[in-house]
Structures are given as structure tokens and as C-alpha cells.
């Protein structure tokens, strides 16, 4: 028997385990996969080009994850941004957002400033904002349908990987509050997409796991049931049972809800897991002999109000001469791509990239896709998102322990929720709660 169990070896679970180990607690991490990292995954091409298939960036105000990068001697490099960004709306490639977009973003930031990101449901407007979808609010607030459509894709898609009608105004404003507002969340330089880790975020997860020491992480051990009472907990896995005084469940709420609990979770906590599906994102890396768009004065960064792709970025690295253009599709657009055949999907994506950087985009060396919604141990990305009307009702149960069960994962963070930094904060917070209980 150990003192504590951690379910999930993503960055949140690893952060919880490291905090517990530093406090002298005997801990065991149970991981369903044969690797650590959860929603981070780095693939290397034959020539050494780094492709981050999951989480990709860290920003300058994400202090916890930056501290871990320093602690484990890892290096970072700035995201590629060599030229002008592009905005696609009304069928044309432009250099500016639709008129009025900045004013609407400023208004959203004022809403976010009214919220406590640890308890957004306490705001006077919470119930009303939670009943209003972002799509409906934009339709009533934006100066025209083009601006509403553009901002809906940029915010609901680019931040939460859902469609504008799948997230409430309250949930979006709470997310903005946790990340410091649109001026912190949306830009590359100075914002959440400023830097990348050499070796990818996977290198950070591997360093965290190594710091735990051998035999702490048990691979291939998906937790299917948790028994819990005043004496402790028992986690049942495909490879046996594990006993401890307490447990941190560090997987997305949707997956935490698939675990069987005995006794059953309180109705409101269980109700929360039923109302917090994962976002729907499709990520595609198109790899070229060189980043040809830079010679045309383009950065490769784009946001699109129409078409199958919502965003693109230049994912090239300083150590590779290859050009990597990464396309993101979200919500309804991502699901439309899933319904296509492989060749049809490839053509649609490359046509969208050609709109952004020119016809040469249709001739990549290779195209690498990853669908996190098809991953059985994630079932979506970037994070779980409460459905409209749910945050004000079920939000108070997102972090609240249930006896000796504590909850982590980036969804439970109060700062930088949805990001690696939020994952670390949530893990450390859950560990502190567990220690207080012990």
C-alpha cells in the first residue's frame, strides 16, 4: 500500500506526484498509455524535424511551466513569425480583421475582468451569461455577420476547440479571465503562443517522470474503478488493484466520469462530468522542402472566418530547414473533416492552406494528421468544456474533493486553464489538498 495514487501521467498528474514526493509521500502513478504526457505528443521526422502533435506552446506569463523547463535544463525557442499574418474573410486574403472585431474583443475583456476565475458562478451576471451561447451573443453584439462568424471561430474554436453555439458567454469569459484576457491568449509574441520547447512538451513530461524515479509510473494500467471510504482508496486496473490512503484523479472530467466509483459519486459531481465533453480539434502538419511563404513576406500565421481551417501557424524549428505549416480545424469544421475520405480531406486542407500562403501549399512532401478525439485515453482536445447553462450550476463541483478523491487536470485550473501551465497548477493544488487531508 502506498500513501497516494495518481490517475494519469499527463503533466497535471506528474506535477501532483512530484509535489507529493517532495513532501515525503509514497506515491504511485497509474497510466493507461505506454508513455507519459497525456495530451502532449512529439513526433520526429526522419531528418530530425520536430512535430508537436498535441500541446505546442508556452507563454511568458506561464510561470509554473517555465519554472519546470528551467528546473530540468530544457531549452525553448521562439515560435516562427517572419512576416505578415493573414486574415481570410469574405473569400479574400487580407491583412486586417473585419471592422469592429477589436471593439467586441475589448468588451469581452471587460466581462472577463468582472469574474473570479476560481468562482465565475458568483458574478451577478453569471446565470444570464451562462444561458447565452457565444454564438447568440456575437450575433447580437458584432456589427455584422462576417465579424460575428470570424470571432466565433477565433474564440470558441481557437481557444476551446468547439463551435460558438457549444459554449456559453460565461464559460468563454471565465476562460479569458484565467488566461489574462484576449491580449494574452491570442498573440504569438508576448502571448500564449510565444515559445516552444526544444524536444517538444513531451521532453518536459519525460523529465518530470524521470525526476519521480524508477517504478513510480505504472504503464498500461487504465483505472476502471475506484473504491473509497474513510480508510482509504482502492484503484482497480487491468493489471491489478492498488491501495492508498487517497487518490488524485488527473484525467479530463469526461474520462473521470467513465470510472466506476463505489460508493457512487455525489449526483452534482457526476452531473458535471456528463456536461463537460472534450473539445473537437483536428490538427494537420503539412511539411515542405522549405518555408516558401517567408520569401513572400508571410508569417504562415492566419485566422479564417470561412472554410475547413480556422487557424494556421508556421511550426518550423531553428534546427530544421523544412517548412512546416500547421492547420487547425475545430468543432463543426473538424467533424466535417472526419466524415471525409482521406484523399478528400487532404485536398480540402491543402486548398485552404493555398488560400493562406499561395498555390505551392498544394505540393507538400508529406501531411501528418492527428485526431485526439479518436484517442481512447483522451477523446478530444484541447480540454473539456462545460455546455451552456452548466458552469453556473455545476462549476462549484469541478475541484471539490469527494472524500479521499481529489481532482486535477488542466480543466480544474484557476489560472491558464486549458494550457500546460494550468495543468501544473491543478496538479500542485490537488496534491496540497491531499496532503492537508493526510
Protein backbone atom coordinates (compact mmCIF):
# COMPACT_ATOMS: atom_id res chain seq x y z
CA UNK A 1 0.00 0.00 0.00
CA UNK A 2 1.25 3.49 -0.88
CA UNK A 3 0.30 6.81 0.67
CA UNK A 4 -1.19 8.24 -2.52
CA UNK A 5 -2.22 7.24 -6.02
CA UNK A 6 -2.32 9.49 -9.05
CA UNK A 7 -4.51 8.50 -12.00
CA UNK A 8 -2.98 9.79 -15.23
CA UNK A 9 0.62 10.62 -16.16
CA UNK A 10 -0.08 13.80 -18.07
CA UNK A 11 1.62 16.99 -16.93
CA UNK A 12 -1.03 17.54 -14.25
CA UNK A 13 -0.69 14.07 -12.78
CA UNK A 14 3.10 14.26 -12.90
CA UNK A 15 3.05 17.67 -11.18
CA UNK A 16 0.84 16.24 -8.44
CA UNK A 17 3.13 13.24 -7.99
CA UNK A 18 6.25 15.43 -7.83
CA UNK A 19 4.65 17.65 -5.17
CA UNK A 20 3.73 14.60 -3.12
CA UNK A 21 7.19 13.07 -3.46
CA UNK A 22 8.82 16.32 -2.31
CA UNK A 23 6.60 16.14 0.80
CA UNK A 24 7.89 12.65 1.56
CA UNK A 25 4.74 10.85 0.46
CA UNK A 26 4.98 7.43 -1.17
CA UNK A 27 3.16 7.74 -4.47
CA UNK A 28 2.27 5.54 -7.42
CA UNK A 29 1.12 6.92 -10.80
CA UNK A 30 -1.25 4.76 -12.84
CA UNK A 31 -1.16 5.50 -16.58
CA UNK A 32 -3.28 3.83 -19.26
CA UNK A 33 -0.82 4.52 -22.09
CA UNK A 34 2.68 3.22 -22.67
CA UNK A 35 4.07 6.77 -22.39
CA UNK A 36 3.78 9.86 -20.21
CA UNK A 37 2.49 13.26 -21.29
CA UNK A 38 -1.22 12.79 -21.86
CA UNK A 39 -2.22 15.47 -24.36
CA UNK A 40 1.38 16.19 -25.36
CA UNK A 41 2.97 14.08 -28.07
CA UNK A 42 6.03 14.86 -30.20
CA UNK A 43 6.85 13.07 -33.44
CA UNK A 44 10.19 13.27 -35.21
CA UNK A 45 10.59 13.04 -38.97
CA UNK A 46 13.49 11.06 -40.41
CA UNK A 47 15.55 14.22 -40.86
CA UNK A 48 15.03 15.30 -37.23
CA UNK A 49 12.21 17.80 -37.81
CA UNK A 50 10.15 18.19 -34.63
CA UNK A 51 6.37 17.97 -34.94
CA UNK A 52 4.23 18.62 -31.86
CA UNK A 53 1.01 16.70 -32.40
CA UNK A 54 -0.63 17.91 -29.19
CA UNK A 55 0.09 20.86 -26.91
CA UNK A 56 2.69 23.02 -28.60
CA UNK A 57 3.34 26.37 -26.90
CA UNK A 58 4.16 28.11 -23.65
CA UNK A 59 3.94 31.84 -22.97
CA UNK A 60 5.98 34.32 -20.93
CA UNK A 61 3.42 34.66 -18.11
CA UNK A 62 3.02 30.91 -17.68
CA UNK A 63 5.39 30.93 -14.75
CA UNK A 64 4.89 27.40 -13.42
CA UNK A 65 5.67 25.58 -16.66
CA UNK A 66 8.56 27.93 -17.42
CA UNK A 67 9.99 27.16 -13.98
CA UNK A 68 9.84 23.44 -14.75
CA UNK A 69 11.57 23.99 -18.09
CA UNK A 70 14.38 25.75 -16.21
CA UNK A 71 14.48 23.16 -13.42
CA UNK A 72 15.07 20.28 -15.84
CA UNK A 73 17.56 22.13 -18.01
CA UNK A 74 15.40 22.26 -21.11
CA UNK A 75 15.63 24.98 -23.74
CA UNK A 76 12.99 26.95 -25.60
CA UNK A 77 12.87 28.73 -28.94
CA UNK A 78 10.53 31.45 -30.21
CA UNK A 79 7.65 30.48 -32.46
CA UNK A 80 8.40 31.24 -36.09
CA UNK A 81 6.99 34.62 -37.11
CA UNK A 82 8.97 36.04 -40.03
CA UNK A 83 6.41 38.09 -41.92
CA UNK A 84 2.85 39.32 -42.09
CA UNK A 85 -0.12 37.42 -40.76
CA UNK A 86 -3.23 36.85 -42.85
CA UNK A 87 -6.95 37.10 -42.15
CA UNK A 88 -9.36 35.37 -44.54
CA UNK A 89 -12.92 36.66 -44.71
CA UNK A 90 -15.49 37.10 -47.45
CA UNK A 91 -13.39 34.96 -49.76
CA UNK A 92 -10.32 37.20 -49.73
CA UNK A 93 -6.92 37.14 -48.06
CA UNK A 94 -6.45 40.31 -46.03
CA UNK A 95 -4.07 41.83 -43.51
CA UNK A 96 -6.71 43.11 -41.04
CA UNK A 97 -9.59 41.68 -39.06
CA UNK A 98 -13.19 42.52 -40.02
CA UNK A 99 -14.16 46.03 -38.89
CA UNK A 100 -15.40 46.15 -35.32
CA UNK A 101 -13.65 42.95 -34.19
CA UNK A 102 -11.32 44.81 -31.82
CA UNK A 103 -14.23 46.56 -30.13
CA UNK A 104 -16.01 43.26 -29.48
CA UNK A 105 -12.83 41.70 -28.06
CA UNK A 106 -12.41 44.68 -25.75
CA UNK A 107 -15.97 44.22 -24.50
CA UNK A 108 -15.33 40.55 -23.80
CA UNK A 109 -12.24 41.51 -21.81
CA UNK A 110 -14.33 43.84 -19.65
CA UNK A 111 -16.70 40.94 -18.96
CA UNK A 112 -13.79 38.67 -18.07
CA UNK A 113 -12.40 41.30 -15.69
CA UNK A 114 -15.63 41.09 -13.65
CA UNK A 115 -15.14 37.38 -12.95
CA UNK A 116 -13.21 35.50 -10.32
CA UNK A 117 -11.71 32.65 -12.40
CA UNK A 118 -11.86 30.42 -9.31
CA UNK A 119 -15.61 31.04 -8.92
CA UNK A 120 -17.12 32.63 -12.05
CA UNK A 121 -20.58 31.43 -11.00
CA UNK A 122 -20.60 34.05 -8.22
CA UNK A 123 -20.77 37.00 -10.64
CA UNK A 124 -24.11 38.85 -10.68
CA UNK A 125 -24.46 38.19 -14.42
CA UNK A 126 -23.40 34.52 -14.19
CA UNK A 127 -26.77 32.83 -14.70
CA UNK A 128 -27.73 35.10 -17.61
CA UNK A 129 -24.34 34.82 -19.31
CA UNK A 130 -24.39 31.06 -18.87
CA UNK A 131 -27.76 30.77 -20.62
CA UNK A 132 -26.41 32.77 -23.58
CA UNK A 133 -24.25 31.00 -26.12
CA UNK A 134 -21.26 32.81 -27.52
CA UNK A 135 -22.80 32.48 -30.97
CA UNK A 136 -26.03 34.19 -29.91
CA UNK A 137 -24.13 36.95 -28.08
CA UNK A 138 -21.92 37.64 -31.08
CA UNK A 139 -24.92 37.72 -33.41
CA UNK A 140 -26.46 40.43 -31.22
CA UNK A 141 -23.24 42.34 -30.47
CA UNK A 142 -20.95 42.19 -33.50
CA UNK A 143 -21.53 44.91 -36.12
CA UNK A 144 -22.17 42.40 -38.92
CA UNK A 145 -22.45 38.65 -39.58
CA UNK A 146 -18.92 38.44 -41.01
CA UNK A 147 -17.39 39.79 -37.80
CA UNK A 148 -19.61 37.52 -35.70
CA UNK A 149 -18.58 34.45 -37.70
CA UNK A 150 -14.90 35.39 -37.62
CA UNK A 151 -14.84 35.99 -33.85
CA UNK A 152 -16.89 32.89 -33.16
CA UNK A 153 -14.33 30.71 -34.91
CA UNK A 154 -11.37 32.61 -33.43
CA UNK A 155 -12.62 32.42 -29.82
CA UNK A 156 -14.76 29.30 -29.47
CA UNK A 157 -12.59 27.37 -31.92
CA UNK A 158 -9.11 28.77 -31.36
CA UNK A 159 -9.37 28.79 -27.57
CA UNK A 160 -11.71 25.91 -26.73
CA UNK A 161 -11.95 23.80 -29.93
CA UNK A 162 -15.74 23.99 -30.07
CA UNK A 163 -18.34 25.78 -32.19
CA UNK A 164 -19.74 29.13 -30.96
CA UNK A 165 -23.12 27.57 -30.14
CA UNK A 166 -21.47 24.95 -27.91
CA UNK A 167 -20.06 27.30 -25.27
CA UNK A 168 -21.72 29.91 -23.09
CA UNK A 169 -20.68 33.52 -22.77
CA UNK A 170 -19.89 32.82 -19.11
CA UNK A 171 -17.61 29.87 -19.90
CA UNK A 172 -15.75 31.85 -22.56
CA UNK A 173 -15.34 34.89 -20.27
CA UNK A 174 -14.11 32.63 -17.46
CA UNK A 175 -11.53 31.13 -19.80
CA UNK A 176 -10.40 34.61 -20.80
CA UNK A 177 -10.11 35.59 -17.14
CA UNK A 178 -7.92 32.58 -16.34
CA UNK A 179 -5.53 33.42 -19.17
CA UNK A 180 -5.27 37.18 -18.70
CA UNK A 181 -7.63 38.25 -21.49
CA UNK A 182 -7.52 38.25 -25.26
CA UNK A 183 -4.31 40.28 -25.40
CA UNK A 184 -2.57 37.47 -23.54
CA UNK A 185 -4.30 34.49 -25.12
CA UNK A 186 -4.38 35.36 -28.83
CA UNK A 187 -0.98 36.81 -29.85
CA UNK A 188 2.22 34.98 -30.64
CA UNK A 189 4.88 37.43 -29.46
CA UNK A 190 4.16 38.25 -25.82
CA UNK A 191 1.23 35.84 -25.73
CA UNK A 192 0.34 32.23 -25.08
CA UNK A 193 1.92 31.06 -28.37
CA UNK A 194 5.27 32.81 -27.94
CA UNK A 195 7.66 29.91 -27.24
CA UNK A 196 8.16 26.23 -27.87
CA UNK A 197 10.22 23.65 -26.00
CA UNK A 198 13.20 22.01 -27.68
CA UNK A 199 12.15 18.38 -27.92
CA UNK A 200 8.53 19.38 -27.50
CA UNK A 201 6.38 19.38 -24.37
CA UNK A 202 6.89 15.62 -24.38
CA UNK A 203 10.51 16.26 -23.32
CA UNK A 204 9.21 18.12 -20.27
CA UNK A 205 6.82 15.31 -19.35
CA UNK A 206 9.61 12.75 -19.69
CA UNK A 207 11.89 14.85 -17.47
CA UNK A 208 9.16 15.12 -14.83
CA UNK A 209 8.62 11.36 -14.90
CA UNK A 210 12.36 10.72 -14.63
CA UNK A 211 12.52 13.01 -11.58
CA UNK A 212 9.97 10.79 -9.85
CA UNK A 213 12.41 7.92 -10.01
CA UNK A 214 12.04 4.34 -11.27
CA UNK A 215 8.98 2.24 -10.57
CA UNK A 216 6.71 5.18 -9.71
CA UNK A 217 4.78 5.24 -13.01
CA UNK A 218 2.92 2.04 -13.84
CA UNK A 219 2.30 1.85 -17.60
CA UNK A 220 -0.63 0.14 -19.29
CA UNK A 221 -2.77 0.43 -16.18
CA UNK A 222 -6.08 2.12 -17.04
CA UNK A 223 -8.13 2.66 -13.91
CA UNK A 224 -11.60 1.22 -14.38
CA UNK A 225 -12.95 1.52 -10.82
CA UNK A 226 -12.18 3.28 -7.54
CA UNK A 227 -13.47 2.14 -4.17
CA UNK A 228 -13.25 4.78 -1.47
CA UNK A 229 -14.17 5.18 2.19
CA UNK A 230 -12.80 6.79 5.34
CA UNK A 231 -9.98 4.23 5.48
CA UNK A 232 -8.59 4.92 2.01
CA UNK A 233 -8.99 4.07 -1.66
CA UNK A 234 -8.55 1.06 -3.91
CA UNK A 235 -7.97 1.60 -7.64
CA UNK A 236 -8.81 -1.33 -9.90
CA UNK A 237 -6.92 -1.59 -13.20
CA UNK A 238 -6.44 -4.09 -15.98
CA UNK A 239 -3.21 -5.20 -14.29
CA UNK A 240 -4.34 -5.42 -10.67
CA UNK A 241 -5.55 -3.43 -7.70
CA UNK A 242 -3.67 -0.64 -5.93
CA UNK A 243 -4.39 0.61 -2.41
CA UNK A 244 -3.58 4.01 -0.92
CA UNK A 245 -4.74 6.50 1.65
CA UNK A 246 -6.00 8.90 -1.06
CA UNK A 247 -6.03 9.46 -4.80
CA UNK A 248 -5.65 12.32 -7.27
CA UNK A 249 -7.63 11.76 -10.46
CA UNK A 250 -5.75 13.77 -13.09
CA UNK A 251 -7.67 12.98 -16.26
CA UNK A 252 -10.28 15.10 -18.09
CA UNK A 253 -13.69 15.15 -16.39
CA UNK A 254 -15.29 13.27 -19.28
CA UNK A 255 -12.86 10.38 -18.73
CA UNK A 256 -13.04 10.64 -14.95
CA UNK A 257 -16.79 10.12 -15.33
CA UNK A 258 -16.20 6.77 -17.04
CA UNK A 259 -14.50 5.33 -13.97
CA UNK A 260 -16.84 3.34 -11.70
CA UNK A 261 -16.90 4.63 -8.13
CA UNK A 262 -18.04 2.74 -5.06
CA UNK A 263 -19.84 4.37 -3.44
CA UNK A 264 -21.09 6.37 -6.42
CA UNK A 265 -20.05 9.99 -6.73
CA UNK A 266 -22.45 12.66 -5.47
CA UNK A 267 -25.08 13.49 -8.07
CA UNK A 268 -23.80 17.01 -8.75
CA UNK A 269 -20.19 15.89 -9.30
CA UNK A 270 -21.37 13.10 -11.58
CA UNK A 271 -23.64 15.56 -13.35
CA UNK A 272 -20.67 17.80 -14.02
CA UNK A 273 -18.77 15.02 -15.80
CA UNK A 274 -21.81 14.38 -18.00
CA UNK A 275 -21.89 18.05 -19.04
CA UNK A 276 -18.19 18.59 -19.81
CA UNK A 277 -17.34 16.95 -23.14
CA UNK A 278 -13.94 17.33 -24.69
CA UNK A 279 -13.29 19.89 -27.40
CA UNK A 280 -13.10 18.75 -31.00
CA UNK A 281 -9.88 19.69 -32.81
CA UNK A 282 -8.19 18.37 -35.96
CA UNK A 283 -4.51 19.21 -36.30
CA UNK A 284 -2.62 18.84 -39.57
CA UNK A 285 1.08 19.39 -40.30
CA UNK A 286 1.90 19.97 -43.97
CA UNK A 287 5.67 19.56 -44.49
CA UNK A 288 7.53 21.24 -47.36
CA UNK A 289 11.17 21.28 -48.55
CA UNK A 290 11.41 24.85 -47.23
CA UNK A 291 9.15 27.53 -45.70
CA UNK A 292 8.42 29.13 -49.07
CA UNK A 293 5.86 31.57 -47.65
CA UNK A 294 8.58 33.54 -45.84
CA UNK A 295 10.08 34.65 -49.16
CA UNK A 296 6.68 36.18 -49.97
CA UNK A 297 6.71 38.17 -46.72
CA UNK A 298 4.17 35.91 -45.00
CA UNK A 299 4.48 34.51 -41.48
CA UNK A 300 2.28 31.48 -42.11
CA UNK A 301 0.01 32.71 -39.31
CA UNK A 302 -3.62 33.06 -40.39
CA UNK A 303 -7.13 33.13 -38.99
CA UNK A 304 -10.05 32.28 -41.25
CA UNK A 305 -13.71 33.21 -41.00
CA UNK A 306 -14.67 30.51 -43.50
CA UNK A 307 -13.55 27.17 -44.87
CA UNK A 308 -12.41 23.98 -43.17
CA UNK A 309 -9.40 25.59 -41.43
CA UNK A 310 -9.74 28.14 -38.63
CA UNK A 311 -6.07 28.87 -37.94
CA UNK A 312 -2.64 28.22 -39.40
CA UNK A 313 0.84 28.70 -37.95
CA UNK A 314 4.43 28.24 -39.09
CA UNK A 315 5.66 25.29 -37.00
CA UNK A 316 9.21 25.32 -38.32
CA UNK A 317 12.10 24.91 -35.92
CA UNK A 318 15.56 26.56 -35.88
CA UNK A 319 17.33 23.21 -36.39
CA UNK A 320 15.40 22.13 -39.49
CA UNK A 321 15.37 23.62 -42.97
CA UNK A 322 11.97 22.09 -43.69
CA UNK A 323 8.86 24.21 -43.85
CA UNK A 324 6.01 23.10 -41.58
CA UNK A 325 2.62 24.74 -41.95
CA UNK A 326 0.16 23.63 -39.29
CA UNK A 327 -3.60 23.88 -39.77
CA UNK A 328 -6.21 23.71 -37.01
CA UNK A 329 -9.88 22.88 -37.52
CA UNK A 330 -12.43 22.97 -34.69
CA UNK A 331 -15.96 22.00 -33.78
CA UNK A 332 -18.25 21.57 -36.79
CA UNK A 333 -15.36 22.05 -39.23
CA UNK A 334 -13.32 19.30 -37.53
CA UNK A 335 -16.29 16.94 -37.58
CA UNK A 336 -16.86 17.66 -41.28
CA UNK A 337 -13.25 16.64 -41.95
CA UNK A 338 -13.76 13.40 -40.01
CA UNK A 339 -16.64 12.49 -42.29
CA UNK A 340 -14.48 12.83 -45.43
CA UNK A 341 -12.34 10.19 -47.05
CA UNK A 342 -8.60 10.61 -46.53
CA UNK A 343 -7.90 11.96 -50.05
CA UNK A 344 -10.87 14.35 -49.96
CA UNK A 345 -9.83 15.66 -46.55
CA UNK A 346 -6.26 16.18 -47.71
CA UNK A 347 -7.43 18.11 -50.77
CA UNK A 348 -9.73 20.31 -48.69
CA UNK A 349 -7.00 21.12 -46.19
CA UNK A 350 -4.36 21.86 -48.83
CA UNK A 351 -6.79 24.08 -50.73
CA UNK A 352 -7.35 26.02 -47.50
CA UNK A 353 -3.60 26.38 -46.99
CA UNK A 354 -3.23 27.58 -50.58
CA UNK A 355 -5.70 30.35 -49.80
CA UNK A 356 -3.43 31.45 -46.96
CA UNK A 357 0.07 31.19 -48.49
CA UNK A 358 -0.36 30.51 -52.20
CA UNK A 359 -0.66 27.55 -54.62
CA UNK A 360 2.67 25.98 -53.59
CA UNK A 361 0.88 24.81 -50.45
CA UNK A 362 -0.81 22.13 -52.54
CA UNK A 363 2.51 20.30 -53.04
CA UNK A 364 3.77 19.16 -49.62
CA UNK A 365 6.35 16.43 -49.12
CA UNK A 366 4.04 14.81 -46.59
CA UNK A 367 0.97 15.51 -44.48
CA UNK A 368 0.75 14.34 -40.87
CA UNK A 369 -2.60 14.39 -39.09
CA UNK A 370 -3.56 13.60 -35.52
CA UNK A 371 -7.11 13.30 -34.24
CA UNK A 372 -7.22 13.46 -30.44
CA UNK A 373 -10.94 12.69 -30.47
CA UNK A 374 -10.06 9.22 -31.74
CA UNK A 375 -7.51 8.65 -28.96
CA UNK A 376 -9.22 6.33 -26.46
CA UNK A 377 -7.38 7.83 -23.48
CA UNK A 378 -8.16 11.46 -24.37
CA UNK A 379 -11.25 11.55 -26.60
CA UNK A 380 -10.70 15.15 -27.64
CA UNK A 381 -8.67 18.32 -27.34
CA UNK A 382 -7.79 20.93 -26.17
CA UNK A 383 -9.75 20.43 -22.95
CA UNK A 384 -13.17 19.71 -21.50
CA UNK A 385 -15.75 22.48 -21.96
CA UNK A 386 -18.92 22.81 -19.89
CA UNK A 387 -22.03 23.05 -22.03
CA UNK A 388 -24.20 26.21 -21.95
CA UNK A 389 -26.06 26.54 -18.67
CA UNK A 390 -23.74 24.16 -16.83
CA UNK A 391 -20.96 26.32 -15.37
CA UNK A 392 -23.27 28.30 -13.06
CA UNK A 393 -24.96 25.10 -11.84
CA UNK A 394 -22.14 22.54 -11.71
CA UNK A 395 -18.97 24.64 -11.64
CA UNK A 396 -18.61 24.54 -7.81
CA UNK A 397 -18.06 20.76 -8.03
CA UNK A 398 -15.20 20.88 -10.55
CA UNK A 399 -12.43 20.95 -7.92
CA UNK A 400 -14.23 19.97 -4.70
CA UNK A 401 -12.79 16.70 -3.31
CA UNK A 402 -15.09 13.75 -2.74
CA UNK A 403 -13.84 12.20 0.47
CA UNK A 404 -10.36 10.94 -0.32
CA UNK A 405 -10.69 11.56 -4.07
CA UNK A 406 -9.09 14.76 -5.37
CA UNK A 407 -9.38 16.20 -8.89
CA UNK A 408 -6.62 17.60 -11.10
CA UNK A 409 -6.21 18.19 -14.83
CA UNK A 410 -5.92 21.48 -16.68
CA UNK A 411 -9.72 21.87 -16.74
CA UNK A 412 -9.64 22.41 -12.97
CA UNK A 413 -7.03 25.20 -13.05
CA UNK A 414 -7.90 28.74 -11.97
CA UNK A 415 -5.07 30.28 -13.98
CA UNK A 416 -4.18 29.29 -17.52
CA UNK A 417 -6.93 26.66 -17.62
CA UNK A 418 -6.58 24.56 -20.76
CA UNK A 419 -2.81 25.06 -21.00
CA UNK A 420 0.26 23.23 -19.72
CA UNK A 421 0.68 25.86 -17.04
CA UNK A 422 -2.87 25.24 -15.85
CA UNK A 423 -2.19 21.50 -15.78
CA UNK A 424 0.80 22.05 -13.49
CA UNK A 425 -1.13 24.44 -11.23
CA UNK A 426 -4.01 21.98 -10.92
CA UNK A 427 -1.71 19.09 -10.07
CA UNK A 428 0.08 21.05 -7.39
CA UNK A 429 -3.23 22.29 -5.93
CA UNK A 430 -4.69 18.76 -5.77
CA UNK A 431 -1.52 17.48 -4.12
CA UNK A 432 -1.73 20.21 -1.48
CA UNK A 433 -5.35 19.25 -0.76
CA UNK A 434 -4.39 15.60 -0.43
CA UNK A 435 -1.53 16.43 1.92
CA UNK A 436 -3.82 18.52 4.09
CA UNK A 437 -6.17 15.55 4.34
CA UNK A 438 -3.39 13.15 5.27
